[in-house]
Protein backbone atom coordinates (compact mmCIF):
# COMPACT_ATOMS: atom_id res chain seq x y z
CA MET A 1 7.78 3.23 54.19
CA ILE A 2 7.26 0.50 56.79
CA THR A 3 5.85 -2.67 55.27
CA ASP A 4 2.30 -3.59 56.36
CA LEU A 5 1.93 -0.53 58.62
CA ASN A 6 -1.50 1.02 58.29
CA PRO A 7 -1.13 4.82 57.83
CA ALA A 8 -4.08 5.28 60.17
CA LEU A 9 -2.02 3.92 63.07
CA ILE A 10 0.61 6.60 62.55
CA LEU A 11 -2.01 9.25 63.24
CA ILE A 12 -3.73 7.41 66.08
CA LEU A 13 -0.68 6.20 68.01
CA GLY A 14 1.33 9.31 67.22
CA ALA A 15 -1.43 11.54 68.55
CA LEU A 16 -1.25 9.88 71.96
CA LEU A 17 2.15 11.49 72.54
CA ILE A 18 0.87 15.05 72.07
CA PRO A 19 -0.02 15.74 75.75
CA ALA A 20 3.57 14.96 76.77
CA LEU A 21 5.20 17.42 74.35
CA LYS A 22 6.23 20.99 75.01
CA ALA A 23 4.38 23.72 73.11
CA SER A 24 7.29 24.58 70.80
CA LEU A 25 7.84 20.96 69.78
CA ARG A 26 4.10 20.17 69.61
CA THR A 27 3.54 22.72 66.83
CA THR A 28 5.95 20.93 64.52
CA TYR A 29 4.87 17.48 65.64
CA VAL A 30 1.14 17.86 64.89
CA LEU A 31 1.96 19.09 61.36
CA LEU A 32 4.49 16.33 60.81
CA LEU A 33 2.19 13.43 61.69
CA PRO A 34 -0.17 13.81 58.67
CA VAL A 35 2.88 14.16 56.42
CA LEU A 36 4.44 10.95 57.76
CA SER A 37 1.14 9.12 57.42
CA PHE A 38 0.76 10.30 53.82
CA LEU A 39 4.33 9.20 53.01
CA GLN A 40 3.37 5.75 54.29
CA LEU A 41 0.23 5.72 52.13
CA TYR A 42 1.43 7.16 48.84
CA PRO A 43 3.91 4.41 47.75
CA LEU A 44 1.39 1.63 48.42
CA PRO A 45 0.36 0.03 45.11
CA ALA A 46 -3.29 -0.33 44.14
CA GLY A 47 -4.69 -3.61 45.45
CA SER A 48 -2.47 -3.62 48.54
CA ARG A 49 -3.95 -5.77 51.25
CA THR A 50 -2.82 -6.57 54.78
CA GLU A 51 -4.51 -9.45 56.58
CA VAL A 52 -4.34 -10.64 60.18
CA GLU A 53 -6.13 -13.50 61.92
CA VAL A 54 -7.96 -12.56 65.12
CA LEU A 55 -10.16 -15.01 67.07
CA GLY A 56 -10.46 -17.24 64.06
CA MET A 57 -11.48 -14.36 61.75
CA LEU A 58 -9.30 -13.22 58.87
CA LEU A 59 -9.39 -9.42 59.05
CA SER A 60 -8.24 -7.20 56.22
CA THR A 61 -6.90 -4.24 58.16
CA LEU A 62 -5.70 -2.47 55.02
CA HIS A 63 -7.23 -2.70 51.57
CA LEU A 64 -6.34 -0.09 48.98
CA ASP A 65 -8.27 0.51 45.78
CA LYS A 66 -8.76 3.71 43.77
CA LEU A 67 -11.82 4.83 45.72
CA SER A 68 -10.25 4.29 49.14
CA PHE A 69 -7.01 5.89 47.96
CA MET A 70 -8.86 9.04 46.85
CA PHE A 71 -10.63 9.38 50.21
CA ALA A 72 -7.37 8.65 52.04
CA VAL A 73 -5.62 11.44 50.12
CA ILE A 74 -8.23 14.07 50.97
CA PHE A 75 -8.35 12.92 54.60
CA HIS A 76 -4.60 13.53 54.84
CA ILE A 77 -4.90 16.95 53.22
CA ALA A 78 -7.74 17.83 55.58
CA ALA A 79 -5.81 16.60 58.63
CA PHE A 80 -2.82 18.78 57.74
CA ILE A 81 -4.96 21.88 57.11
CA LEU A 82 -6.93 21.34 60.31
CA MET A 83 -3.79 20.95 62.40
CA LEU A 84 -2.49 24.16 60.87
CA TYR A 85 -5.78 25.85 61.70
CA SER A 86 -5.65 24.60 65.31
CA LEU A 87 -2.26 26.13 66.10
CA HIS A 88 -3.95 29.25 67.50
CA SER A 89 -5.17 27.11 70.40
CA ARG A 90 -2.99 25.62 73.13
CA ASP A 91 -5.57 22.97 73.94
CA ARG A 92 -3.63 19.70 73.75
CA LEU A 93 -6.78 17.65 74.14
CA GLN A 94 -8.29 19.05 70.95
CA GLN A 95 -5.14 18.47 68.93
CA MET A 96 -4.75 14.91 70.20
CA VAL A 97 -8.40 14.00 69.68
CA SER A 98 -8.47 15.65 66.22
CA LEU A 99 -5.61 13.47 65.00
CA VAL A 100 -7.01 10.32 66.63
CA TYR A 101 -10.33 11.06 64.96
CA ALA A 102 -8.66 11.69 61.59
CA GLY A 103 -6.79 8.40 61.98
CA CYS A 104 -9.99 6.51 62.74
CA ALA A 105 -11.66 8.03 59.67
CA LEU A 106 -8.66 6.97 57.61
CA GLY A 107 -8.93 3.48 59.10
CA VAL A 108 -12.56 3.28 57.93
CA VAL A 109 -11.74 4.03 54.29
CA LEU A 110 -8.77 1.64 54.31
CA ALA A 111 -10.68 -1.23 55.95
CA GLY A 112 -11.14 -4.31 53.82
CA ASP A 113 -13.73 -6.07 55.97
CA LEU A 114 -16.79 -5.14 57.99
CA VAL A 115 -15.33 -5.97 61.40
CA THR A 116 -12.30 -3.72 60.91
CA LEU A 117 -14.61 -1.00 59.62
CA PHE A 118 -16.78 -1.37 62.75
CA ILE A 119 -13.80 -1.03 65.08
CA TYR A 120 -12.65 2.22 63.47
CA TRP A 121 -16.27 3.36 63.11
CA GLU A 122 -16.84 3.18 66.86
CA ALA A 123 -13.44 4.60 67.72
CA ALA A 124 -14.22 7.60 65.51
CA ALA A 125 -17.55 8.14 67.31
CA ILE A 126 -15.99 8.02 70.76
CA SER A 127 -13.02 10.25 69.94
CA SER A 128 -15.04 12.86 68.04
CA VAL A 129 -17.41 13.61 70.94
CA PHE A 130 -14.52 15.21 72.86
CA LEU A 131 -14.35 17.92 70.20
CA ILE A 132 -17.84 18.95 71.31
CA TRP A 133 -17.19 18.61 75.04
CA ALA A 134 -13.96 20.59 74.67
CA ARG A 135 -16.01 23.79 74.50
CA ARG A 136 -16.75 23.17 78.19
CA THR A 137 -20.25 24.59 78.38
CA GLN A 138 -23.46 23.01 79.63
CA ALA A 139 -24.99 23.24 76.16
CA SER A 140 -21.99 21.52 74.54
CA TYR A 141 -22.01 18.78 77.20
CA ARG A 142 -25.67 17.98 76.56
CA ALA A 143 -25.25 18.19 72.78
CA GLY A 144 -22.23 15.89 73.05
CA MET A 145 -24.23 13.34 75.03
CA ARG A 146 -26.98 13.35 72.41
CA TYR A 147 -24.36 13.06 69.67
CA LEU A 148 -22.69 10.13 71.41
CA ILE A 149 -25.98 8.29 71.93
CA VAL A 150 -26.85 8.59 68.23
CA GLN A 151 -23.37 7.48 67.16
CA VAL A 152 -23.47 4.49 69.50
CA ILE A 153 -26.89 3.54 68.10
CA SER A 154 -25.33 3.66 64.64
CA GLY A 155 -22.56 1.39 65.86
CA LEU A 156 -24.99 -1.09 67.44
CA LEU A 157 -26.99 -1.27 64.23
CA LEU A 158 -23.79 -1.80 62.29
CA LEU A 159 -22.61 -4.58 64.60
CA SER A 160 -26.00 -6.31 64.51
CA GLY A 161 -26.06 -6.07 60.73
CA ILE A 162 -22.56 -7.48 60.45
CA ILE A 163 -23.46 -10.48 62.65
CA LEU A 164 -26.62 -11.23 60.65
CA HIS A 165 -24.82 -10.76 57.35
CA ALA A 166 -21.93 -13.00 58.42
CA ARG A 167 -24.31 -15.75 59.54
CA ALA A 168 -26.27 -15.60 56.29
CA SER A 169 -23.36 -15.30 53.86
CA GLY A 170 -20.41 -16.65 55.81
CA SER A 171 -18.37 -13.58 54.83
CA ILE A 172 -17.36 -10.30 56.44
CA GLU A 173 -15.77 -8.88 53.30
CA LEU A 174 -16.48 -5.20 52.64
CA THR A 175 -18.24 -5.40 49.31
CA GLN A 176 -21.61 -4.69 47.74
CA LEU A 177 -24.43 -5.74 50.07
CA ASP A 178 -28.05 -6.73 49.51
CA LEU A 179 -30.49 -4.22 50.96
CA GLY A 180 -33.19 -6.91 50.92
CA THR A 181 -31.59 -8.92 53.74
CA ALA A 182 -31.93 -8.19 57.45
CA GLY A 183 -28.20 -7.72 57.86
CA GLY A 184 -27.96 -5.48 54.82
CA LEU A 185 -30.85 -3.32 56.03
CA LEU A 186 -29.32 -2.79 59.49
CA ILE A 187 -25.97 -1.87 57.97
CA PHE A 188 -27.74 0.52 55.60
CA LEU A 189 -29.47 2.24 58.54
CA ALA A 190 -26.17 2.50 60.41
CA PHE A 191 -24.55 4.21 57.44
CA GLY A 192 -27.68 6.34 56.97
CA ILE A 193 -27.47 7.74 60.49
CA LYS A 194 -23.84 8.75 60.00
CA CYS A 195 -24.68 10.20 56.56
CA ALA A 196 -27.52 12.33 58.05
CA PHE A 197 -30.43 10.83 56.13
CA PRO A 198 -33.72 12.75 56.49
CA LEU A 199 -35.25 12.32 59.99
CA LEU A 200 -31.88 10.91 61.10
CA HIS A 201 -30.00 14.14 60.51
CA ASN A 202 -30.66 16.16 63.64
CA TRP A 203 -27.57 15.03 65.52
CA LEU A 204 -25.50 16.93 62.97
CA VAL A 205 -27.39 20.21 63.26
CA ASP A 206 -27.57 19.83 67.04
CA ALA A 207 -23.93 18.96 67.79
CA TYR A 208 -21.69 20.65 65.22
CA PRO A 209 -22.55 24.26 66.17
CA GLN A 210 -21.88 23.41 69.84
CA ALA A 211 -18.33 22.23 69.20
CA THR A 212 -15.26 24.39 69.60
CA VAL A 213 -14.00 26.69 66.86
CA THR A 214 -11.58 24.00 65.69
CA GLY A 215 -13.82 21.06 66.58
CA THR A 216 -16.62 22.05 64.22
CA VAL A 217 -14.19 22.22 61.30
CA VAL A 218 -12.71 18.81 62.17
CA LEU A 219 -16.14 17.22 62.50
CA SER A 220 -17.23 18.63 59.15
CA ALA A 221 -14.33 16.98 57.37
CA PHE A 222 -14.63 13.34 58.42
CA THR A 223 -17.85 12.05 59.99
CA THR A 224 -20.30 12.18 57.10
CA LYS A 225 -17.61 11.50 54.48
CA MET A 226 -16.87 8.15 56.13
CA ALA A 227 -20.53 7.28 55.59
CA VAL A 228 -20.43 8.45 51.96
CA TYR A 229 -17.47 6.16 51.34
CA ALA A 230 -19.18 3.24 53.08
CA LEU A 231 -22.38 3.69 51.07
CA ALA A 232 -20.44 4.03 47.81
CA THR A 233 -18.66 0.76 48.58
CA THR A 234 -21.64 -1.33 49.71
CA PHE A 235 -24.91 0.07 48.31
CA TYR A 236 -24.07 1.75 45.01
CA GLY A 237 -26.90 1.44 42.51
CA ALA A 238 -29.61 1.16 45.20
CA GLU A 239 -32.39 3.28 43.69
CA ILE A 240 -33.84 4.22 47.09
CA LEU A 241 -30.72 6.32 47.61
CA ILE A 242 -31.78 8.58 44.75
CA TRP A 243 -34.98 9.54 46.55
CA ILE A 244 -33.24 9.86 49.90
CA GLY A 245 -30.58 12.04 48.30
CA LEU A 246 -33.17 14.29 46.66
CA LEU A 247 -34.81 14.93 50.03
CA MET A 248 -31.43 15.68 51.54
CA ALA A 249 -30.59 18.10 48.76
CA ALA A 250 -33.91 19.94 48.93
CA PHE A 251 -35.29 20.28 52.48
CA PRO A 252 -32.22 21.84 54.20
CA ILE A 253 -32.50 24.86 51.90
CA PHE A 254 -35.62 26.07 53.68
CA TYR A 255 -34.09 25.65 57.13
CA ALA A 256 -30.84 27.32 56.11
CA VAL A 257 -32.64 30.39 54.79
CA ILE A 258 -34.43 31.07 58.10
CA GLU A 259 -31.60 30.01 60.43
CA ASN A 260 -29.77 32.77 62.32
CA ASP A 261 -26.76 30.85 63.64
CA LEU A 262 -24.33 30.90 60.68
CA ARG A 263 -22.53 27.72 61.71
CA ARG A 264 -25.92 26.03 61.86
CA VAL A 265 -26.63 27.36 58.36
CA LEU A 266 -23.49 25.58 57.21
CA THR A 267 -24.60 22.30 58.82
CA TYR A 268 -27.82 22.43 56.83
CA SER A 269 -25.74 23.27 53.79
CA MET A 270 -23.64 20.19 54.50
CA ILE A 271 -26.74 17.97 54.38
CA ASN A 272 -27.66 19.64 51.09
CA GLN A 273 -24.27 18.76 49.58
CA LEU A 274 -24.42 15.22 50.98
CA GLY A 275 -27.70 14.86 49.10
CA PHE A 276 -25.87 15.28 45.79
CA MET A 277 -23.39 12.57 46.79
CA VAL A 278 -26.12 10.16 47.89
CA VAL A 279 -27.97 10.68 44.60
CA GLY A 280 -24.76 9.83 42.76
CA ILE A 281 -24.36 6.62 44.76
CA GLY A 282 -27.97 5.71 44.05
CA ILE A 283 -27.56 6.21 40.29
CA GLY A 284 -24.53 3.94 40.56
CA THR A 285 -22.97 4.45 37.12
CA GLU A 286 -19.25 5.08 36.72
CA LEU A 287 -19.84 8.76 35.95
CA ALA A 288 -22.14 9.15 38.97
CA LEU A 289 -19.72 7.43 41.34
CA ASN A 290 -16.88 9.52 39.96
CA GLY A 291 -19.00 12.60 40.62
CA THR A 292 -19.72 11.46 44.19
CA ALA A 293 -16.05 10.87 44.95
CA ALA A 294 -14.97 14.13 43.31
CA HIS A 295 -17.65 16.16 45.07
CA ALA A 296 -16.80 14.62 48.45
CA PHE A 297 -13.16 15.57 47.84
CA ALA A 298 -14.08 19.16 46.94
CA ASP A 299 -16.70 19.49 49.68
CA ILE A 300 -14.24 18.70 52.45
CA LEU A 301 -12.15 21.64 51.25
CA PHE A 302 -14.73 24.32 50.51
CA LYS A 303 -17.05 23.43 53.39
CA GLY A 304 -14.04 23.31 55.68
CA LEU A 305 -13.04 26.74 54.36
CA LEU A 306 -16.47 28.17 55.16
CA PHE A 307 -16.46 26.63 58.64
CA MET A 308 -12.95 27.98 59.21
CA SER A 309 -14.00 31.50 58.25
CA MET A 310 -17.00 31.37 60.58
CA GLY A 311 -14.78 29.92 63.30
CA ALA A 312 -12.45 32.89 62.91
CA VAL A 313 -15.42 35.23 63.23
CA LEU A 314 -16.60 33.46 66.37
CA LEU A 315 -13.10 33.53 67.86
CA ARG A 316 -12.61 37.26 67.30
CA THR A 317 -16.12 38.55 68.01
CA GLY A 318 -17.62 35.92 70.32
CA ARG A 319 -20.73 36.01 68.10
CA ILE A 320 -22.01 33.83 65.28
CA ASN A 321 -25.62 34.90 64.70
CA GLY A 322 -26.27 36.78 61.49
CA SER A 323 -28.40 39.30 63.41
CA ASP A 324 -25.34 40.28 65.51
CA LEU A 325 -22.79 40.53 62.71
CA GLY A 326 -22.17 42.65 59.64
CA GLY A 327 -19.50 45.05 58.42
CA LEU A 328 -16.65 42.73 59.43
CA TYR A 329 -14.94 43.15 56.06
CA LYS A 330 -13.42 46.31 57.58
CA SER A 331 -11.77 44.43 60.43
CA MET A 332 -11.21 41.00 58.86
CA PRO A 333 -10.48 41.60 55.15
CA TYR A 334 -8.47 38.42 54.57
CA THR A 335 -11.07 36.23 56.26
CA THR A 336 -13.69 37.94 54.10
CA VAL A 337 -11.81 37.08 50.91
CA PHE A 338 -11.38 33.44 51.93
CA CYS A 339 -15.05 33.16 52.87
CA VAL A 340 -16.05 34.55 49.47
CA ILE A 341 -13.81 31.97 47.77
CA GLY A 342 -15.50 29.22 49.78
CA ALA A 343 -18.91 30.64 48.86
CA ALA A 344 -17.98 30.75 45.16
CA SER A 345 -16.71 27.18 45.36
CA ILE A 346 -19.82 25.70 46.97
CA SER A 347 -22.02 27.71 44.57
CA ALA A 348 -20.28 26.13 41.55
CA PHE A 349 -18.98 29.29 39.93
CA PRO A 350 -16.83 28.53 36.88
CA LEU A 351 -13.15 28.21 37.86
CA PHE A 352 -14.12 26.97 41.32
CA SER A 353 -14.26 23.38 42.56
CA ALA A 354 -17.96 22.46 42.71
CA PHE A 355 -18.38 23.58 39.09
CA VAL A 356 -16.29 20.60 37.96
CA THR A 357 -17.60 18.04 40.50
CA LYS A 358 -21.30 18.61 41.16
CA SER A 359 -22.01 18.77 37.43
CA MET A 360 -20.78 15.18 37.00
CA ILE A 361 -23.63 13.93 39.19
CA MET A 362 -26.21 16.04 37.35
CA GLU A 363 -24.81 14.91 34.01
CA ALA A 364 -25.12 11.27 35.12
CA ALA A 365 -28.74 11.85 36.15
CA GLY A 366 -29.54 13.33 32.76
CA LEU A 367 -27.82 10.56 30.82
CA GLU A 368 -29.72 7.86 32.74
CA GLY A 369 -33.09 9.54 32.09
CA TYR A 370 -33.70 10.80 35.64
CA THR A 371 -35.33 14.04 34.50
CA PHE A 372 -37.13 14.75 37.78
CA THR A 373 -33.93 14.07 39.69
CA TRP A 374 -32.05 16.51 37.48
CA LEU A 375 -34.66 19.22 38.07
CA VAL A 376 -34.58 18.80 41.84
CA LEU A 377 -30.78 18.95 41.83
CA LEU A 378 -30.98 22.10 39.73
CA PHE A 379 -33.32 23.64 42.32
CA ALA A 380 -30.95 22.53 45.09
CA SER A 381 -28.02 24.16 43.26
CA ALA A 382 -29.86 27.47 43.19
CA GLY A 383 -30.76 27.07 46.84
CA VAL A 384 -27.20 26.47 47.98
CA PHE A 385 -26.14 29.68 46.27
CA HIS A 386 -28.78 31.51 48.30
CA HIS A 387 -27.95 30.18 51.76
CA ALA A 388 -24.21 29.44 51.53
CA GLY A 389 -23.02 31.42 48.53
CA ILE A 390 -24.74 34.68 49.46
CA LYS A 391 -26.18 34.53 52.97
CA ILE A 392 -23.01 33.49 54.82
CA PRO A 393 -20.65 36.18 53.48
CA TYR A 394 -23.40 38.80 53.18
CA PHE A 395 -24.68 38.73 56.76
CA ALA A 396 -21.28 38.07 58.35
CA PHE A 397 -19.13 40.58 56.51
CA PHE A 398 -21.42 42.99 54.69
CA ALA A 399 -25.14 43.77 55.20
CA HIS A 400 -25.57 46.39 57.94
CA ASP A 401 -22.57 47.59 59.91
CA SER A 402 -22.80 46.03 63.36
CA GLY A 403 -20.13 48.37 64.68
CA ILE A 404 -17.90 45.46 65.71
CA ARG A 405 -14.21 46.22 65.33
CA CYS A 406 -11.87 43.35 66.05
CA LYS A 407 -8.52 41.87 65.11
CA GLU A 408 -7.98 39.84 61.96
CA ALA A 409 -7.88 36.07 62.43
CA PRO A 410 -4.64 34.57 63.83
CA THR A 411 -1.92 33.89 61.28
CA SER A 412 -2.22 30.09 61.52
CA MET A 413 -5.93 30.34 60.75
CA LEU A 414 -5.30 32.59 57.75
CA VAL A 415 -2.64 30.25 56.36
CA ALA A 416 -4.95 27.23 56.75
CA MET A 417 -7.77 29.10 55.00
CA ALA A 418 -5.36 30.16 52.25
CA VAL A 419 -4.33 26.53 51.65
CA ALA A 420 -7.96 25.36 51.45
CA ALA A 421 -8.88 28.28 49.17
CA THR A 422 -5.94 27.51 46.87
CA PHE A 423 -6.99 23.87 46.58
CA SER A 424 -10.59 24.88 45.82
CA MET A 425 -9.49 27.21 43.05
CA CYS A 426 -6.91 24.83 41.59
CA ILE A 427 -9.49 22.03 41.37
CA GLY A 428 -11.78 24.37 39.44
CA ILE A 429 -9.05 25.60 37.10
CA PHE A 430 -7.24 22.27 36.59
CA PRO A 431 -9.98 19.63 37.03
CA GLN A 432 -8.05 16.91 35.20
CA THR A 433 -5.65 16.69 38.14
CA LEU A 434 -8.54 15.68 40.39
CA TYR A 435 -10.07 13.46 37.72
CA ALA A 436 -6.84 11.44 37.60
CA LEU A 437 -7.60 10.26 41.16
CA LEU A 438 -11.14 9.11 40.39
CA PRO A 439 -12.03 5.42 40.77
CA TYR A 440 -13.00 5.11 37.09
CA GLN A 441 -11.41 6.59 34.00
CA THR A 442 -13.39 9.47 32.57
CA ASP A 443 -13.30 11.83 29.62
CA TYR A 444 -15.80 14.23 31.18
CA GLN A 445 -15.29 17.85 30.14
CA PRO A 446 -16.89 20.41 32.49
CA TYR A 447 -15.96 23.52 30.50
CA THR A 448 -18.38 23.24 27.64
CA THR A 449 -20.13 26.32 26.33
CA THR A 450 -23.54 24.97 27.33
CA HIS A 451 -22.49 24.14 30.89
CA VAL A 452 -20.76 27.47 31.49
CA ILE A 453 -23.63 29.57 30.14
CA THR A 454 -26.30 27.50 31.92
CA GLN A 455 -24.51 27.73 35.26
CA LEU A 456 -23.89 31.47 34.94
CA GLN A 457 -27.56 32.01 34.13
CA LEU A 458 -28.59 30.00 37.19
CA LEU A 459 -26.26 31.98 39.43
CA PHE A 460 -27.28 35.33 37.92
CA PHE A 461 -31.00 34.77 38.37
CA SER A 462 -30.48 33.37 41.90
CA ALA A 463 -28.54 36.51 42.83
CA LEU A 464 -31.21 38.67 41.20
CA ALA A 465 -33.93 36.89 43.17
CA PHE A 466 -32.00 37.36 46.45
CA THR A 467 -31.46 41.07 45.75
CA TRP A 468 -35.11 41.64 44.86
CA LEU A 469 -36.36 39.78 47.96
CA VAL A 470 -34.04 41.73 50.24
CA ARG A 471 -35.00 45.11 48.74
CA GLN A 472 -38.69 44.26 48.97
CA GLY A 473 -38.32 43.16 52.57
CA LEU A 474 -39.49 39.65 51.70
CA TYR A 475 -36.30 37.78 52.47
CA PRO A 476 -36.50 36.17 55.94
CA PRO A 477 -34.71 38.56 58.33
CA GLU A 478 -31.96 37.40 60.68
CA LEU A 479 -33.85 37.07 63.97
CA ARG A 480 -33.11 35.34 67.25
CA SER A 481 -35.34 32.28 67.12
CA VAL A 482 -35.58 28.55 67.71
CA ASN A 483 -36.45 26.57 64.59
CA LEU A 484 -38.24 23.28 65.14
CA ASP A 485 -36.79 20.38 63.19
CA ALA A 486 -37.72 16.72 62.86
CA ASP A 487 -36.08 15.87 66.18
CA TRP A 488 -39.05 17.52 67.92
CA LEU A 489 -41.11 14.51 66.85
CA TYR A 490 -39.13 12.17 69.09
CA ARG A 491 -37.39 14.40 71.64
CA LYS A 492 -40.60 15.95 72.97
CA PRO A 493 -42.60 12.68 73.20
CA GLY A 494 -39.43 11.03 74.45
CA ARG A 495 -39.26 13.48 77.36
CA TRP A 496 -42.87 12.71 78.23
CA LEU A 497 -42.15 8.98 78.04
CA ALA A 498 -39.07 9.38 80.26
CA GLN A 499 -41.06 11.35 82.84
CA TYR A 500 -43.77 8.68 82.84
CA ALA A 501 -41.13 5.96 83.22
CA VAL A 502 -39.55 7.77 86.17
CA ARG A 503 -42.91 8.09 87.91
CA ALA A 504 -43.59 4.42 87.24
CA VAL A 505 -40.19 3.45 88.67
CA VAL A 506 -40.73 5.58 91.78
CA ALA A 507 -44.18 4.07 92.33
CA SER A 508 -42.80 0.57 91.82
CA GLU A 509 -39.94 1.29 94.21
CA GLN A 510 -42.37 2.42 96.90
CA GLN A 511 -44.36 -0.78 96.47
CA VAL A 512 -41.15 -2.81 96.69
CA ILE A 513 -40.18 -1.05 99.93
CA VAL A 514 -43.58 -1.82 101.48
CA TRP A 515 -43.31 -5.45 100.36
CA VAL A 516 -39.75 -5.80 101.70
CA LYS A 517 -40.73 -4.31 105.06
CA ARG A 518 -43.61 -6.74 105.40
CA LEU A 519 -41.43 -9.65 104.33
CA SER A 520 -38.62 -8.74 106.71
CA PHE A 521 -41.04 -8.33 109.62
CA ASP A 522 -42.57 -11.72 108.86
CA VAL A 523 -39.11 -13.34 108.63
CA GLY A 524 -38.07 -11.75 111.93
CA VAL A 525 -41.18 -13.03 113.71
CA ARG A 526 -40.64 -16.57 112.40
CA LEU A 527 -36.97 -16.58 113.38
CA HIS A 528 -37.90 -15.42 116.89
CA ARG A 529 -39.77 -18.69 117.47
CA HIS A 530 -36.65 -20.87 116.93
CA HIS A 531 -33.45 -21.52 118.90
CA GLY A 532 -29.76 -21.86 117.99
CA PRO A 533 -28.33 -19.62 115.30
CA GLN A 534 -31.86 -18.83 114.27
CA GLY A 535 -32.59 -17.78 117.80
CA LEU A 536 -29.59 -15.46 117.83
CA LEU A 537 -30.88 -13.75 114.73
CA ALA A 538 -34.38 -13.81 116.19
CA ARG A 539 -33.29 -12.01 119.35
CA THR A 540 -31.99 -9.19 117.15
CA TRP A 541 -34.67 -9.55 114.52
CA PRO A 542 -35.01 -5.82 113.83
CA THR A 543 -31.30 -5.74 112.91
CA GLY A 544 -31.62 -8.93 110.89
CA SER A 545 -34.64 -7.66 109.02
CA MET A 546 -32.82 -4.40 108.35
CA VAL A 547 -29.93 -6.33 106.78
CA LEU A 548 -32.34 -8.20 104.54
CA TRP A 549 -34.17 -5.03 103.65
CA VAL A 550 -31.00 -3.08 102.79
CA ALA A 551 -29.55 -5.97 100.77
CA PHE A 552 -32.74 -6.42 98.80
CA LEU A 553 -33.19 -2.69 98.21
CA LEU A 554 -29.55 -2.34 97.15
CA GLY A 555 -30.11 -5.07 94.59
CA ILE A 556 -33.15 -3.22 93.23
CA TYR A 557 -31.15 0.03 92.95
CA LEU A 558 -28.31 -1.73 91.12
CA ILE A 559 -30.78 -3.18 88.63
CA PHE A 560 -32.27 0.26 87.95
CA TYR A 561 -28.77 1.77 87.69
CA TYR A 562 -27.63 -0.62 84.99
CA VAL A 563 -30.94 -0.47 83.13
CA TYR A 564 -31.10 3.32 82.98
């Protein structure tokens, strides 16, 4: 261990060497970097803090408590699994950017002040967009631009909030913030964008399915979990988060059921799972925060497993729509098994991870008297079984036989999925191992008779409802379609506004040209009446007026360029 070295820098700086390495050495190197970073992290004692003075500000570049340690551990596990998964590809850019992005996410959870958090926050946004552009299609380029704009907006809100908060309080420490202040509100909105709050969520559904096979899995592991950590550190106990979380847990279910693109189904499912975490942060008790941290830990693994299985399907078949797939269990049996394990984990089957994590949040809601909250979360639990637990494996691997016959996923992909599946099962079977990492001590016991029977009943009746709806022809069929989401409310009017602005600019430019021509002609005539240097210019007044006209017009164009 190197004293005072932030583990995040090992990933970030180490990743910059990847393009220079040969393929044989690069395979070992990308797997070794997360291991070295973890070895730097693990011996650090709780309460470790590294401070450095920059421009008169005392920045805490590393601050380790139990919550940040838990997120740092799962980020390292995810980075290793994702690098293993990426070995099928020889794209050095993706491997480099993935590790830089993982390092930036790690830097966020280890930051001890708002300025350090902002630096890593923005670096994560900039590096992650290349995972979308790496697909090298027109659709991915446009989705990446929209993604980048939203992430930069989040960063600008965060920076503005930090400045206002620092002026009001005189502190940049990363601690609980007041939502009632201007600075606190802007920071809250910045975190909310990254956490995919309702009406602010469309960047996730828009961009993730456009990323590469590996890129989507990498994005699913870090972006929103950084925001969950930030909210849990600064706004725990804010009751508004309960209502926001309930909306997040409920509304994606309806979109996921009718969505055809299976990776897009998983992005809606991700918002659903984030809703549980946000509710836990809003409740703010020790049990609820433990549940949030535990569920974030488990979600990175089982959601990553589901994204990996769909990525394998896309890689081998070139298709990802449920209407085009089916019967793949014959060609991809191992991928099918891993997908089913991921589906069982997210659905909270006993002996799988979400059974021992999600229930902590619901238990906290019940103990604090949030009966309505508990009921909505119960509905959301049934819904996630429908769209992620059943729909994903059913339409991809079973349902009708599409006639597609392909190779099984590459070995590196299968090994990565096996590691994630093993973790998901071990967490469900041995929950106390995960509970030992939680920020607060707990004696919570998930395997009570009441909990097991209640959950099995919920799953049984959800499966029965799905079967009945399918047999009756009432379940929404997998059809090629475009589903309108909340982004239509601002993207469509925004296009109209942009078109109006362009017409206004063109009209203004034409008026400016007329004005400049008249002005230059008038200047030329006046200069013509004088002698000396003025006379020289006057004798060539058309040339002189042209110089003035071009210079003025160039200035106007530069202004428009930097404005737009």
